[in-house]
Amino acid sequence: MKRILPIVGLVAVLLLVGTIGFRLITQRSILECLYLSVVTLTTVGNREPTDVSGEPVADGGMIFMIVYLLCGAGTFGFLITSIGRWMISEQVRNALEKRKMQQTIDNTSGHMIVCGCGQMGEMICRHLSEQRRDFIVIDSDLERLEELCIPEGWTYLHGDATDDGMLERAGLLRASGLAAVLSTDADNLYVVLSANIDNNRLAIVARAAEESANRKLRQAGARHVINPYHAGAVRIARLLIHPGIENLL
């Protein structure tokens, strides 16, 4: 990308030079001159250039157009080629990174799977990382995953955690634990049920936004169900009643 930016800047300069040049030659409006610059650079072509009165431009104007076309078209063509190469190299790099990530996952066992990379998922990952525990985080938001996981060196998978194939790719059968902390209770319930069916030895912890989901999540196979709002409220109430126990929590 760094190689492309200077070329983009050069094309912008050429457009500016062309606009000014055509303005001086034809006396047309700035917008018309910009249009002439673009069609000349892109080799789309246009009819014989004329000035604002419809008369053909002088020989000096024709010479300017020839030089401008030779310089500009070459630069624009090089820009298109560079962008194409960059896009291909990015695709190859992403494919290699995904393959390397999957190889790392395939060689991992006894790890944790974190389904969901929201605020709670991030806190879980940070705690597991501090404890030097192997884990894999799954989320459908690629931008969020790359922003969070790449700087930290965390292993991640981009996709829908409710997809059985995604859990399989995360090494569900070799994992020792799973945290279902997706945004909805319905998604967490589906993940817990699927994971428990495929690996009933798995230690599953799930988040429940609603109290009514606790029983269903436990029946689906979750060993522990956490309601963050309820847990936080209970702790705040205890601190209000017994301020002195703060150091013990």
Protein backbone atom coordinates (compact mmCIF):
# COMPACT_ATOMS: atom_id res chain seq x y z
CA MET A 1 0.00 0.00 0.00
CA LYS A 2 2.90 2.35 0.76
CA ARG A 3 4.12 1.91 -2.82
CA ILE A 4 0.74 2.88 -4.25
CA LEU A 5 0.27 6.13 -2.33
CA PRO A 6 3.08 8.02 -4.14
CA ILE A 7 1.64 6.94 -7.49
CA VAL A 8 -1.82 8.13 -6.44
CA GLY A 9 -0.26 11.46 -5.49
CA LEU A 10 1.45 11.68 -8.87
CA VAL A 11 -1.84 11.01 -10.67
CA ALA A 12 -3.49 13.76 -8.63
CA VAL A 13 -0.71 16.15 -9.64
CA LEU A 14 -1.12 15.16 -13.28
CA LEU A 15 -4.86 15.82 -13.08
CA LEU A 16 -4.14 19.25 -11.63
CA VAL A 17 -1.57 20.03 -14.31
CA GLY A 18 -3.91 18.78 -17.02
CA THR A 19 -6.82 20.83 -15.72
CA ILE A 20 -4.72 23.98 -15.65
CA GLY A 21 -3.21 23.23 -19.07
CA PHE A 22 -6.55 22.59 -20.74
CA ARG A 23 -7.93 25.70 -19.07
CA LEU A 24 -5.20 27.83 -20.61
CA ILE A 25 -5.51 26.15 -24.01
CA THR A 26 -9.28 25.93 -24.44
CA GLN A 27 -10.59 28.60 -22.04
CA ARG A 28 -13.27 26.14 -20.99
CA SER A 29 -14.68 25.79 -17.44
CA ILE A 30 -12.67 24.08 -14.71
CA LEU A 31 -15.07 21.11 -14.66
CA GLU A 32 -14.79 20.62 -18.42
CA CYS A 33 -11.01 20.82 -18.22
CA LEU A 34 -10.96 18.27 -15.39
CA TYR A 35 -13.11 16.00 -17.54
CA LEU A 36 -10.66 16.36 -20.45
CA SER A 37 -7.80 15.49 -18.10
CA VAL A 38 -9.55 12.35 -16.85
CA VAL A 39 -10.51 11.01 -20.30
CA THR A 40 -6.99 11.71 -21.54
CA LEU A 41 -5.32 9.95 -18.60
CA THR A 42 -7.60 6.94 -18.82
CA THR A 43 -7.17 6.79 -22.62
CA VAL A 44 -10.96 6.77 -23.02
CA GLY A 45 -10.45 9.32 -25.74
CA ASN A 46 -12.40 12.32 -26.90
CA ARG A 47 -13.04 14.19 -30.13
CA GLU A 48 -10.56 16.71 -31.50
CA PRO A 49 -10.00 19.33 -28.80
CA THR A 50 -11.46 22.75 -29.44
CA ASP A 51 -11.48 25.98 -27.56
CA VAL A 52 -14.53 27.56 -25.99
CA SER A 53 -15.57 29.05 -29.35
CA GLY A 54 -15.43 25.67 -31.08
CA GLU A 55 -12.20 26.35 -33.00
CA PRO A 56 -9.43 23.72 -33.01
CA VAL A 57 -6.65 24.42 -30.54
CA ALA A 58 -3.32 25.78 -31.75
CA ASP A 59 -0.26 23.63 -32.41
CA GLY A 60 1.07 24.40 -28.93
CA GLY A 61 -2.08 22.96 -27.41
CA MET A 62 -1.77 19.80 -29.49
CA ILE A 63 1.84 19.36 -28.36
CA PHE A 64 0.74 19.76 -24.73
CA MET A 65 -1.92 17.08 -25.24
CA ILE A 66 0.57 14.65 -26.80
CA VAL A 67 3.10 15.05 -23.97
CA TYR A 68 0.35 14.92 -21.35
CA LEU A 69 -1.13 11.76 -22.85
CA LEU A 70 2.23 9.97 -23.02
CA CYS A 71 3.19 10.84 -19.44
CA GLY A 72 -0.25 10.56 -17.89
CA ALA A 73 -1.45 7.36 -19.53
CA GLY A 74 1.72 5.54 -18.56
CA THR A 75 1.45 6.68 -14.96
CA PHE A 76 -2.26 5.81 -14.77
CA GLY A 77 -1.61 2.37 -16.26
CA PHE A 78 1.16 1.75 -13.74
CA LEU A 79 -1.24 2.76 -10.95
CA ILE A 80 -3.87 0.26 -12.09
CA THR A 81 -1.23 -2.48 -12.36
CA SER A 82 0.13 -1.70 -8.89
CA ILE A 83 -3.34 -1.79 -7.34
CA GLY A 84 -3.99 -5.15 -8.98
CA ARG A 85 -0.72 -6.58 -7.68
CA TRP A 86 -1.44 -5.23 -4.19
CA MET A 87 -4.92 -6.79 -4.13
CA ILE A 88 -3.55 -10.15 -5.22
CA SER A 89 -0.72 -10.02 -2.67
CA GLU A 90 -3.22 -9.15 0.09
CA GLN A 91 -5.40 -12.11 -0.85
CA VAL A 92 -2.40 -14.43 -0.85
CA ARG A 93 -1.20 -13.06 2.49
CA ASN A 94 -4.64 -13.48 4.07
CA ALA A 95 -4.89 -17.02 2.75
CA LEU A 96 -1.47 -17.90 4.17
CA GLU A 97 -2.34 -16.34 7.53
CA LYS A 98 -5.59 -18.31 7.72
CA ARG A 99 -3.77 -21.51 6.85
CA LYS A 100 -1.10 -20.84 9.48
CA MET A 101 -3.79 -20.01 12.06
CA GLN A 102 -5.66 -23.23 11.31
CA GLN A 103 -2.45 -25.26 11.58
CA THR A 104 -1.83 -23.71 15.00
CA ILE A 105 -5.36 -24.64 16.08
CA ASP A 106 -5.01 -28.19 14.75
CA ASN A 107 -1.90 -28.66 16.90
CA THR A 108 -3.58 -27.29 20.05
CA SER A 109 -5.34 -29.41 22.68
CA GLY A 110 -6.66 -28.82 26.18
CA HIS A 111 -7.47 -25.25 25.20
CA MET A 112 -10.41 -22.96 25.88
CA ILE A 113 -12.86 -21.71 23.26
CA VAL A 114 -14.31 -18.23 23.72
CA CYS A 115 -17.42 -17.68 21.61
CA GLY A 116 -17.92 -13.94 21.32
CA CYS A 117 -15.45 -11.09 21.36
CA GLY A 118 -17.50 -8.34 22.96
CA GLN A 119 -16.56 -6.59 26.18
CA MET A 120 -17.01 -9.72 28.29
CA GLY A 121 -15.28 -11.90 25.72
CA GLU A 122 -12.32 -9.52 25.67
CA MET A 123 -12.03 -9.59 29.46
CA ILE A 124 -12.13 -13.39 29.45
CA CYS A 125 -9.40 -13.53 26.80
CA ARG A 126 -7.20 -11.11 28.72
CA HIS A 127 -7.55 -13.13 31.90
CA LEU A 128 -6.77 -16.40 30.11
CA SER A 129 -3.78 -14.74 28.47
CA GLU A 130 -2.50 -13.51 31.84
CA GLN A 131 -2.83 -17.06 33.16
CA ARG A 132 -0.93 -18.33 30.10
CA ARG A 133 -3.78 -20.61 29.05
CA ASP A 134 -4.26 -21.59 25.43
CA PHE A 135 -7.50 -20.32 23.94
CA ILE A 136 -9.23 -19.62 20.64
CA VAL A 137 -11.73 -16.79 20.22
CA ILE A 138 -14.54 -16.93 17.65
CA ASP A 139 -16.48 -13.92 16.44
CA SER A 140 -18.31 -12.80 13.30
CA ASP A 141 -16.81 -9.28 13.42
CA LEU A 142 -13.52 -9.55 11.52
CA GLU A 143 -12.52 -5.94 12.15
CA ARG A 144 -13.01 -6.41 15.89
CA LEU A 145 -10.99 -9.64 15.87
CA GLU A 146 -8.07 -8.16 13.96
CA GLU A 147 -8.05 -5.01 16.08
CA LEU A 148 -8.00 -6.98 19.33
CA CYS A 149 -6.28 -10.29 18.60
CA ILE A 150 -3.46 -9.45 16.19
CA PRO A 151 -1.64 -7.00 18.54
CA GLU A 152 -2.02 -9.46 21.43
CA GLY A 153 -0.99 -12.50 19.41
CA TRP A 154 -4.22 -14.34 20.21
CA THR A 155 -5.48 -17.19 18.05
CA TYR A 156 -8.83 -16.43 16.48
CA LEU A 157 -11.38 -17.65 13.95
CA HIS A 158 -13.66 -15.40 11.96
CA GLY A 159 -17.14 -16.82 11.62
CA ASP A 160 -20.45 -17.64 13.27
CA ALA A 161 -19.95 -19.54 16.53
CA THR A 162 -23.43 -21.05 16.15
CA ASP A 163 -22.14 -22.90 13.09
CA ASP A 164 -21.17 -26.45 14.10
CA GLY A 165 -18.40 -26.42 11.53
CA MET A 166 -16.83 -23.37 13.17
CA LEU A 167 -16.71 -25.11 16.57
CA GLU A 168 -15.16 -28.13 14.88
CA ARG A 169 -12.48 -25.92 13.29
CA ALA A 170 -11.76 -24.52 16.76
CA GLY A 171 -10.88 -28.01 17.98
CA LEU A 172 -14.00 -28.63 20.06
CA LEU A 173 -13.23 -32.32 20.57
CA ARG A 174 -9.75 -31.50 21.93
CA ALA A 175 -10.82 -28.51 24.04
CA SER A 176 -11.18 -28.53 27.82
CA GLY A 177 -13.55 -25.59 28.23
CA LEU A 178 -15.88 -23.25 26.39
CA ALA A 179 -17.28 -19.82 27.21
CA ALA A 180 -20.50 -18.84 25.43
CA VAL A 181 -20.65 -15.06 25.66
CA LEU A 182 -22.44 -14.08 22.47
CA SER A 183 -24.77 -11.10 22.32
CA THR A 184 -28.05 -13.02 22.68
CA ASP A 185 -29.26 -15.78 24.98
CA ALA A 186 -30.61 -17.69 21.97
CA ASP A 187 -27.17 -17.83 20.34
CA ASN A 188 -25.52 -18.84 23.61
CA LEU A 189 -28.12 -21.57 24.10
CA TYR A 190 -27.46 -22.98 20.64
CA VAL A 191 -23.68 -22.95 21.16
CA VAL A 192 -23.98 -24.67 24.56
CA LEU A 193 -26.30 -27.34 23.17
CA SER A 194 -24.11 -28.04 20.13
CA ALA A 195 -20.90 -28.13 22.15
CA ASN A 196 -22.38 -30.44 24.79
CA ILE A 197 -23.65 -32.89 22.17
CA ASP A 198 -20.25 -33.14 20.48
CA ASN A 199 -18.14 -33.13 23.67
CA ASN A 200 -20.03 -33.81 26.91
CA ARG A 201 -16.79 -33.71 28.90
CA LEU A 202 -16.39 -30.02 28.11
CA ALA A 203 -16.55 -27.49 30.95
CA ILE A 204 -19.06 -24.97 29.60
CA VAL A 205 -19.73 -21.55 31.09
CA ALA A 206 -22.42 -19.37 29.55
CA ARG A 207 -23.62 -15.81 29.94
CA ALA A 208 -27.32 -15.12 30.37
CA ALA A 209 -28.77 -11.68 29.84
CA GLU A 210 -32.17 -12.73 31.18
CA GLU A 211 -32.85 -14.73 34.34
CA SER A 212 -35.32 -16.88 32.39
CA ALA A 213 -32.44 -18.25 30.28
CA ASN A 214 -30.51 -19.70 33.25
CA ARG A 215 -32.47 -22.95 33.51
CA LYS A 216 -32.45 -23.55 29.75
CA LEU A 217 -28.70 -23.01 29.50
CA ARG A 218 -28.07 -25.46 32.34
CA GLN A 219 -30.35 -28.04 30.79
CA ALA A 220 -28.51 -27.59 27.49
CA GLY A 221 -25.23 -28.51 29.18
CA ALA A 222 -23.72 -25.40 30.77
CA ARG A 223 -22.05 -26.16 34.10
CA HIS A 224 -22.18 -22.54 35.15
CA VAL A 225 -24.42 -19.69 34.01
CA ILE A 226 -23.45 -16.12 34.79
CA ASN A 227 -25.76 -13.13 34.66
CA PRO A 228 -23.34 -10.17 34.70
CA TYR A 229 -26.02 -7.69 35.72
CA HIS A 230 -27.21 -9.85 38.59
CA ALA A 231 -23.68 -10.65 39.76
CA GLY A 232 -22.65 -6.99 39.60
CA ALA A 233 -25.77 -5.84 41.43
CA VAL A 234 -25.27 -8.38 44.22
CA ARG A 235 -21.68 -7.29 44.73
CA ILE A 236 -22.62 -3.60 44.84
CA ALA A 237 -25.38 -4.34 47.36
CA ARG A 238 -22.95 -6.31 49.56
CA LEU A 239 -20.45 -3.46 49.49
CA LEU A 240 -23.18 -1.01 50.46
CA ILE A 241 -24.27 -3.17 53.39
CA HIS A 242 -20.78 -4.25 54.46
CA PRO A 243 -18.22 -1.68 53.21
CA GLY A 244 -15.48 -3.38 55.20
CA ILE A 245 -15.54 -6.55 53.10
CA GLU A 246 -14.18 -4.75 50.02
CA ASN A 247 -10.63 -5.94 50.67
CA LEU A 248 -11.84 -9.53 50.94
CA LEU A 249 -13.56 -9.60 47.54
